[in-house]
């Protein structure tokens, strides 16, 4: 599970086995043991949330939006 980015205690990662057929580009965001998944293309949106409170989830979404290009590039580089 490659960690693509670490910011403010958030880890942005994806899993090496992302399904067959592979799901569209997305990123998992972890804070401690809690995790949310965001679709990153074409628009950032929450796929699921497991344990992040509203404030933390909102900040995670902001960070995904700020780093969307980098996260999508990392996804494409890894899975190409």
PDB file of N, CA and C in Angstrom:
ATOM      1  N   UNK A   1       0.839  -1.174   0.000  1.00  0.00           N
ATOM      2  CA  UNK A   1       0.000   0.000   0.000  1.00  0.00           C
ATOM      3  C   UNK A   1       0.884   1.237   0.000  1.00  0.00           C
ATOM      4  N   UNK A   2       1.120   1.768  -1.176  1.00  0.00           N
ATOM      5  CA  UNK A   2       1.971   2.946  -1.291  1.00  0.00           C
ATOM      6  C   UNK A   2       1.340   4.189  -0.660  1.00  0.00           C
ATOM      7  N   UNK A   3       2.097   4.825   0.217  1.00  0.00           N
ATOM      8  CA  UNK A   3       1.677   6.110   0.779  1.00  0.00           C
ATOM      9  C   UNK A   3       2.202   7.183  -0.170  1.00  0.00           C
ATOM     10  N   UNK A   4       1.281   7.963  -0.712  1.00  0.00           N
ATOM     11  CA  UNK A   4       1.615   8.960  -1.721  1.00  0.00           C
ATOM     12  C   UNK A   4       1.986  10.291  -1.091  1.00  0.00           C
ATOM     13  N   UNK A   5       1.338  10.608   0.042  1.00  0.00           N
ATOM     14  CA  UNK A   5       1.492  11.927   0.640  1.00  0.00           C
ATOM     15  C   UNK A   5       1.172  11.840   2.128  1.00  0.00           C
ATOM     16  N   UNK A   6       1.882  12.622   2.914  1.00  0.00           N
ATOM     17  CA  UNK A   6       1.597  12.781   4.343  1.00  0.00           C
ATOM     18  C   UNK A   6       1.503  14.273   4.626  1.00  0.00           C
ATOM     19  N   UNK A   7       0.357  14.688   5.173  1.00  0.00           N
ATOM     20  CA  UNK A   7       0.131  16.101   5.470  1.00  0.00           C
ATOM     21  C   UNK A   7      -0.706  16.191   6.734  1.00  0.00           C
ATOM     22  N   UNK A   8      -0.253  16.977   7.708  1.00  0.00           N
ATOM     23  CA  UNK A   8      -1.038  17.278   8.908  1.00  0.00           C
ATOM     24  C   UNK A   8      -1.565  16.037   9.624  1.00  0.00           C
ATOM     25  N   UNK A   9      -0.796  14.965   9.597  1.00  0.00           N
ATOM     26  CA  UNK A   9      -1.226  13.738  10.254  1.00  0.00           C
ATOM     27  C   UNK A   9      -2.115  12.839   9.403  1.00  0.00           C
ATOM     28  N   UNK A  10      -2.415  13.278   8.176  1.00  0.00           N
ATOM     29  CA  UNK A  10      -3.191  12.474   7.233  1.00  0.00           C
ATOM     30  C   UNK A  10      -2.215  11.681   6.362  1.00  0.00           C
ATOM     31  N   UNK A  11      -2.547  10.441   6.095  1.00  0.00           N
ATOM     32  CA  UNK A  11      -1.802   9.631   5.138  1.00  0.00           C
ATOM     33  C   UNK A  11      -2.697   9.397   3.932  1.00  0.00           C
ATOM     34  N   UNK A  12      -2.168   9.643   2.744  1.00  0.00           N
ATOM     35  CA  UNK A  12      -2.900   9.451   1.505  1.00  0.00           C
ATOM     36  C   UNK A  12      -2.274   8.254   0.799  1.00  0.00           C
ATOM     37  N   UNK A  13      -3.068   7.235   0.557  1.00  0.00           N
ATOM     38  CA  UNK A  13      -2.525   5.990   0.038  1.00  0.00           C
ATOM     39  C   UNK A  13      -3.526   5.274  -0.850  1.00  0.00           C
ATOM     40  N   UNK A  14      -3.032   4.286  -1.567  1.00  0.00           N
ATOM     41  CA  UNK A  14      -3.910   3.364  -2.251  1.00  0.00           C
ATOM     42  C   UNK A  14      -3.369   1.962  -2.033  1.00  0.00           C
ATOM     43  N   UNK A  15      -4.233   0.996  -2.262  1.00  0.00           N
ATOM     44  CA  UNK A  15      -3.873  -0.401  -2.069  1.00  0.00           C
ATOM     45  C   UNK A  15      -3.390  -0.973  -3.392  1.00  0.00           C
ATOM     46  N   UNK A  16      -2.417  -1.851  -3.331  1.00  0.00           N
ATOM     47  CA  UNK A  16      -1.855  -2.435  -4.543  1.00  0.00           C
ATOM     48  C   UNK A  16      -2.885  -3.244  -5.322  1.00  0.00           C
ATOM     49  N   UNK A  17      -3.805  -3.895  -4.613  1.00  0.00           N
ATOM     50  CA  UNK A  17      -4.844  -4.672  -5.267  1.00  0.00           C
ATOM     51  C   UNK A  17      -6.145  -3.885  -5.177  1.00  0.00           C
ATOM     52  N   UNK A  18      -6.459  -3.132  -6.190  1.00  0.00           N
ATOM     53  CA  UNK A  18      -7.641  -2.267  -6.170  1.00  0.00           C
ATOM     54  C   UNK A  18      -8.812  -2.860  -6.936  1.00  0.00           C
ATOM     55  N   UNK A  19      -8.919  -4.180  -6.949  1.00  0.00           N
ATOM     56  CA  UNK A  19     -10.071  -4.828  -7.555  1.00  0.00           C
ATOM     57  C   UNK A  19      -9.836  -5.264  -8.987  1.00  0.00           C
ATOM     58  N   UNK A  20     -10.701  -6.144  -9.442  1.00  0.00           N
ATOM     59  CA  UNK A  20     -10.633  -6.644 -10.797  1.00  0.00           C
ATOM     60  C   UNK A  20     -12.054  -6.740 -11.331  1.00  0.00           C
ATOM     61  N   UNK A  21     -12.521  -5.876 -12.195  1.00  0.00           N
ATOM     62  CA  UNK A  21     -11.704  -4.832 -12.818  1.00  0.00           C
ATOM     63  C   UNK A  21     -11.367  -3.710 -11.838  1.00  0.00           C
ATOM     64  N   UNK A  22     -10.288  -3.018 -12.107  1.00  0.00           N
ATOM     65  CA  UNK A  22      -9.822  -1.954 -11.224  1.00  0.00           C
ATOM     66  C   UNK A  22     -10.837  -0.820 -11.159  1.00  0.00           C
ATOM     67  N   UNK A  23     -11.021  -0.303  -9.963  1.00  0.00           N
ATOM     68  CA  UNK A  23     -11.918   0.838  -9.769  1.00  0.00           C
ATOM     69  C   UNK A  23     -11.302   2.096 -10.376  1.00  0.00           C
ATOM     70  N   UNK A  24     -12.132   3.118 -10.635  1.00  0.00           N
ATOM     71  CA  UNK A  24     -11.586   4.404 -11.107  1.00  0.00           C
ATOM     72  C   UNK A  24     -10.628   5.004 -10.061  1.00  0.00           C
ATOM     73  N   UNK A  25      -9.883   6.000 -10.494  1.00  0.00           N
ATOM     74  CA  UNK A  25      -8.888   6.636  -9.626  1.00  0.00           C
ATOM     75  C   UNK A  25      -9.513   7.126  -8.322  1.00  0.00           C
ATOM     76  N   UNK A  26      -8.880   6.742  -7.221  1.00  0.00           N
ATOM     77  CA  UNK A  26      -9.339   7.158  -5.897  1.00  0.00           C
ATOM     78  C   UNK A  26      -8.167   7.105  -4.933  1.00  0.00           C
ATOM     79  N   UNK A  27      -8.379   7.676  -3.760  1.00  0.00           N
ATOM     80  CA  UNK A  27      -7.341   7.700  -2.726  1.00  0.00           C
ATOM     81  C   UNK A  27      -7.985   7.374  -1.388  1.00  0.00           C
ATOM     82  N   UNK A  28      -7.260   6.621  -0.578  1.00  0.00           N
ATOM     83  CA  UNK A  28      -7.674   6.340   0.789  1.00  0.00           C
ATOM     84  C   UNK A  28      -6.942   7.324   1.690  1.00  0.00           C
ATOM     85  N   UNK A  29      -7.644   7.882   2.640  1.00  0.00           N
ATOM     86  CA  UNK A  29      -7.053   8.839   3.569  1.00  0.00           C
ATOM     87  C   UNK A  29      -7.202   8.279   4.969  1.00  0.00           C
ATOM     88  N   UNK A  30      -6.073   8.128   5.650  1.00  0.00           N
ATOM     89  CA  UNK A  30      -6.075   7.584   7.003  1.00  0.00           C
ATOM     90  C   UNK A  30      -5.634   8.629   8.011  1.00  0.00           C
ATOM     91  N   UNK A  31      -6.305   8.571   9.149  1.00  0.00           N
ATOM     92  CA  UNK A  31      -5.903   9.326  10.323  1.00  0.00           C
ATOM     93  C   UNK A  31      -6.000   8.332  11.469  1.00  0.00           C
ATOM     94  N   UNK A  32      -4.869   7.981  12.025  1.00  0.00           N
ATOM     95  CA  UNK A  32      -4.805   6.917  13.030  1.00  0.00           C
ATOM     96  C   UNK A  32      -5.412   5.648  12.429  1.00  0.00           C
ATOM     97  N   UNK A  33      -6.485   5.124  13.033  1.00  0.00           N
ATOM     98  CA  UNK A  33      -7.102   3.901  12.503  1.00  0.00           C
ATOM     99  C   UNK A  33      -8.355   4.171  11.684  1.00  0.00           C
ATOM    100  N   UNK A  34      -8.716   5.418  11.544  1.00  0.00           N
ATOM    101  CA  UNK A  34      -9.897   5.789  10.779  1.00  0.00           C
ATOM    102  C   UNK A  34      -9.509   6.022   9.322  1.00  0.00           C
ATOM    103  N   UNK A  35     -10.463   5.812   8.434  1.00  0.00           N
ATOM    104  CA  UNK A  35     -10.148   5.916   7.012  1.00  0.00           C
ATOM    105  C   UNK A  35     -11.364   6.379   6.217  1.00  0.00           C
ATOM    106  N   UNK A  36     -11.100   7.155   5.189  1.00  0.00           N
ATOM    107  CA  UNK A  36     -12.119   7.543   4.216  1.00  0.00           C
ATOM    108  C   UNK A  36     -11.537   7.293   2.826  1.00  0.00           C
ATOM    109  N   UNK A  37     -12.424   7.090   1.889  1.00  0.00           N
ATOM    110  CA  UNK A  37     -12.022   6.883   0.498  1.00  0.00           C
ATOM    111  C   UNK A  37     -12.668   7.985  -0.338  1.00  0.00           C
ATOM    112  N   UNK A  38     -11.858   8.580  -1.209  1.00  0.00           N
ATOM    113  CA  UNK A  38     -12.330   9.653  -2.068  1.00  0.00           C
ATOM    114  C   UNK A  38     -12.090   9.289  -3.525  1.00  0.00           C
ATOM    115  N   UNK A  39     -13.105   9.453  -4.358  1.00  0.00           N
ATOM    116  CA  UNK A  39     -12.908   9.413  -5.802  1.00  0.00           C
ATOM    117  C   UNK A  39     -12.181  10.703  -6.149  1.00  0.00           C
ATOM    118  N   UNK A  40     -11.201  10.630  -7.029  1.00  0.00           N
ATOM    119  CA  UNK A  40     -10.428  11.838  -7.336  1.00  0.00           C
ATOM    120  C   UNK A  40     -10.606  12.314  -8.768  1.00  0.00           C
ATOM    121  N   UNK A  41     -11.353  11.574  -9.561  1.00  0.00           N
ATOM    122  CA  UNK A  41     -11.528  11.977 -10.949  1.00  0.00           C
ATOM    123  C   UNK A  41     -12.921  11.583 -11.422  1.00  0.00           C
ATOM    124  N   UNK A  42     -13.655  12.423 -12.076  1.00  0.00           N
ATOM    125  CA  UNK A  42     -13.244  13.759 -12.504  1.00  0.00           C
ATOM    126  C   UNK A  42     -13.339  14.791 -11.384  1.00  0.00           C
ATOM    127  N   UNK A  43     -14.222  14.573 -10.401  1.00  0.00           N
ATOM    128  CA  UNK A  43     -14.357  15.493  -9.275  1.00  0.00           C
ATOM    129  C   UNK A  43     -14.106  14.748  -7.974  1.00  0.00           C
ATOM    130  N   UNK A  44     -13.625  15.454  -6.973  1.00  0.00           N
ATOM    131  CA  UNK A  44     -13.394  14.856  -5.656  1.00  0.00           C
ATOM    132  C   UNK A  44     -14.733  14.669  -4.957  1.00  0.00           C
ATOM    133  N   UNK A  45     -14.974  13.425  -4.502  1.00  0.00           N
ATOM    134  CA  UNK A  45     -16.171  13.151  -3.702  1.00  0.00           C
ATOM    135  C   UNK A  45     -15.912  11.958  -2.804  1.00  0.00           C
ATOM    136  N   UNK A  46     -16.609  11.916  -1.701  1.00  0.00           N
ATOM    137  CA  UNK A  46     -16.423  10.856  -0.710  1.00  0.00           C
ATOM    138  C   UNK A  46     -17.073   9.572  -1.216  1.00  0.00           C
ATOM    139  N   UNK A  47     -16.307   8.488  -1.201  1.00  0.00           N
ATOM    140  CA  UNK A  47     -16.833   7.168  -1.544  1.00  0.00           C
ATOM    141  C   UNK A  47     -17.339   6.477  -0.279  1.00  0.00           C
ATOM    142  N   UNK A  48     -16.563   6.578   0.806  1.00  0.00           N
ATOM    143  CA  UNK A  48     -17.005   6.077   2.111  1.00  0.00           C
ATOM    144  C   UNK A  48     -16.201   6.738   3.211  1.00  0.00           C
ATOM    145  N   UNK A  49     -16.729   6.658   4.399  1.00  0.00           N
ATOM    146  CA  UNK A  49     -16.070   7.197   5.587  1.00  0.00           C
ATOM    147  C   UNK A  49     -16.220   6.180   6.703  1.00  0.00           C
ATOM    148  N   UNK A  50     -15.113   5.780   7.273  1.00  0.00           N
ATOM    149  CA  UNK A  50     -15.121   4.843   8.392  1.00  0.00           C
ATOM    150  C   UNK A  50     -14.401   5.466   9.582  1.00  0.00           C
ATOM    151  N   UNK A  51     -15.151   6.290  10.325  1.00  0.00           N
ATOM    152  CA  UNK A  51     -14.644   6.773  11.591  1.00  0.00           C
ATOM    153  C   UNK A  51     -14.192   8.214  11.673  1.00  0.00           C
ATOM    154  N   UNK A  52     -13.995   8.895  10.552  1.00  0.00           N
ATOM    155  CA  UNK A  52     -13.570  10.294  10.633  1.00  0.00           C
ATOM    156  C   UNK A  52     -14.763  11.161  11.018  1.00  0.00           C
ATOM    157  N   UNK A  53     -14.549  12.055  11.982  1.00  0.00           N
ATOM    158  CA  UNK A  53     -15.640  12.969  12.340  1.00  0.00           C
ATOM    159  C   UNK A  53     -15.800  14.006  11.227  1.00  0.00           C
ATOM    160  N   UNK A  54     -16.869  14.771  11.269  1.00  0.00           N
ATOM    161  CA  UNK A  54     -17.186  15.710  10.198  1.00  0.00           C
ATOM    162  C   UNK A  54     -16.088  16.706   9.907  1.00  0.00           C
ATOM    163  N   UNK A  55     -15.510  17.250  10.938  1.00  0.00           N
ATOM    164  CA  UNK A  55     -14.454  18.255  10.748  1.00  0.00           C
ATOM    165  C   UNK A  55     -13.226  17.646  10.076  1.00  0.00           C
ATOM    166  N   UNK A  56     -12.840  16.456  10.533  1.00  0.00           N
ATOM    167  CA  UNK A  56     -11.671  15.783   9.965  1.00  0.00           C
ATOM    168  C   UNK A  56     -11.944  15.354   8.529  1.00  0.00           C
ATOM    169  N   UNK A  57     -13.143  14.868   8.274  1.00  0.00           N
ATOM    170  CA  UNK A  57     -13.513  14.470   6.918  1.00  0.00           C
ATOM    171  C   UNK A  57     -13.481  15.673   5.975  1.00  0.00           C
ATOM    172  N   UNK A  58     -13.986  16.803   6.425  1.00  0.00           N
ATOM    173  CA  UNK A  58     -13.949  18.019   5.601  1.00  0.00           C
ATOM    174  C   UNK A  58     -12.522  18.451   5.304  1.00  0.00           C
ATOM    175  N   UNK A  59     -11.653  18.380   6.306  1.00  0.00           N
ATOM    176  CA  UNK A  59     -10.244  18.753   6.079  1.00  0.00           C
ATOM    177  C   UNK A  59      -9.584  17.776   5.117  1.00  0.00           C
ATOM    178  N   UNK A  60      -9.885  16.500   5.266  1.00  0.00           N
ATOM    179  CA  UNK A  60      -9.336  15.503   4.343  1.00  0.00           C
ATOM    180  C   UNK A  60      -9.765  15.812   2.916  1.00  0.00           C
ATOM    181  N   UNK A  61     -11.027  16.144   2.744  1.00  0.00           N
ATOM    182  CA  UNK A  61     -11.526  16.477   1.403  1.00  0.00           C
ATOM    183  C   UNK A  61     -10.809  17.706   0.838  1.00  0.00           C
ATOM    184  N   UNK A  62     -10.614  18.718   1.673  1.00  0.00           N
ATOM    185  CA  UNK A  62      -9.889  19.917   1.223  1.00  0.00           C
ATOM    186  C   UNK A  62      -8.487  19.555   0.748  1.00  0.00           C
ATOM    187  N   UNK A  63      -7.816  18.696   1.514  1.00  0.00           N
ATOM    188  CA  UNK A  63      -6.455  18.303   1.153  1.00  0.00           C
ATOM    189  C   UNK A  63      -6.434  17.479  -0.129  1.00  0.00           C
ATOM    190  N   UNK A  64      -7.416  16.605  -0.306  1.00  0.00           N
ATOM    191  CA  UNK A  64      -7.502  15.846  -1.559  1.00  0.00           C
ATOM    192  C   UNK A  64      -7.695  16.817  -2.722  1.00  0.00           C
ATOM    193  N   UNK A  65      -8.559  17.808  -2.551  1.00  0.00           N
ATOM    194  CA  UNK A  65      -8.779  18.788  -3.618  1.00  0.00           C
ATOM    195  C   UNK A  65      -7.510  19.586  -3.910  1.00  0.00           C
ATOM    196  N   UNK A  66      -6.792  19.980  -2.863  1.00  0.00           N
ATOM    197  CA  UNK A  66      -5.557  20.752  -3.045  1.00  0.00           C
ATOM    198  C   UNK A  66      -4.485  19.957  -3.780  1.00  0.00           C
ATOM    199  N   UNK A  67      -4.455  18.660  -3.550  1.00  0.00           N
ATOM    200  CA  UNK A  67      -3.400  17.803  -4.106  1.00  0.00           C
ATOM    201  C   UNK A  67      -3.935  16.856  -5.174  1.00  0.00           C
ATOM    202  N   UNK A  68      -5.089  17.170  -5.728  1.00  0.00           N
ATOM    203  CA  UNK A  68      -5.760  16.287  -6.678  1.00  0.00           C
ATOM    204  C   UNK A  68      -4.853  15.886  -7.845  1.00  0.00           C
ATOM    205  N   UNK A  69      -4.173  16.835  -8.448  1.00  0.00           N
ATOM    206  CA  UNK A  69      -3.316  16.531  -9.601  1.00  0.00           C
ATOM    207  C   UNK A  69      -2.200  15.570  -9.218  1.00  0.00           C
ATOM    208  N   UNK A  70      -1.558  15.808  -8.091  1.00  0.00           N
ATOM    209  CA  UNK A  70      -0.482  14.935  -7.626  1.00  0.00           C
ATOM    210  C   UNK A  70      -1.010  13.533  -7.348  1.00  0.00           C
ATOM    211  N   UNK A  71      -2.163  13.423  -6.696  1.00  0.00           N
ATOM    212  CA  UNK A  71      -2.739  12.125  -6.347  1.00  0.00           C
ATOM    213  C   UNK A  71      -3.144  11.353  -7.595  1.00  0.00           C
ATOM    214  N   UNK A  72      -3.732  12.034  -8.544  1.00  0.00           N
ATOM    215  CA  UNK A  72      -4.130  11.368  -9.787  1.00  0.00           C
ATOM    216  C   UNK A  72      -2.909  10.916 -10.585  1.00  0.00           C
ATOM    217  N   UNK A  73      -1.882  11.736 -10.614  1.00  0.00           N
ATOM    218  CA  UNK A  73      -0.639  11.374 -11.301  1.00  0.00           C
ATOM    219  C   UNK A  73      -0.012  10.134 -10.666  1.00  0.00           C
ATOM    220  N   UNK A  74       0.018  10.098  -9.330  1.00  0.00           N
ATOM    221  CA  UNK A  74       0.578   8.951  -8.616  1.00  0.00           C
ATOM    222  C   UNK A  74      -0.214   7.682  -8.927  1.00  0.00           C
ATOM    223  N   UNK A  75      -1.541   7.805  -8.952  1.00  0.00           N
ATOM    224  CA  UNK A  75      -2.408   6.660  -9.287  1.00  0.00           C
ATOM    225  C   UNK A  75      -2.056   6.141 -10.691  1.00  0.00           C
ATOM    226  N   UNK A  76      -2.031   7.051 -11.646  1.00  0.00           N
ATOM    227  CA  UNK A  76      -1.764   6.652 -13.029  1.00  0.00           C
ATOM    228  C   UNK A  76      -0.364   6.063 -13.199  1.00  0.00           C
ATOM    229  N   UNK A  77       0.617   6.640 -12.541  1.00  0.00           N
ATOM    230  CA  UNK A  77       1.981   6.115 -12.615  1.00  0.00           C
ATOM    231  C   UNK A  77       2.049   4.701 -12.034  1.00  0.00           C
ATOM    232  N   UNK A  78       1.392   4.485 -10.919  1.00  0.00           N
ATOM    233  CA  UNK A  78       1.474   3.185 -10.244  1.00  0.00           C
ATOM    234  C   UNK A  78       0.729   2.099 -11.013  1.00  0.00           C
ATOM    235  N   UNK A  79      -0.444   2.414 -11.521  1.00  0.00           N
ATOM    236  CA  UNK A  79      -1.274   1.395 -12.137  1.00  0.00           C
ATOM    237  C   UNK A  79      -1.131   1.297 -13.657  1.00  0.00           C
ATOM    238  N   UNK A  80      -0.252   2.107 -14.238  1.00  0.00           N
ATOM    239  CA  UNK A  80      -0.040   2.044 -15.697  1.00  0.00           C
ATOM    240  C   UNK A  80       0.888   0.909 -16.049  1.00  0.00           C
TER     241      UNK A  80
END
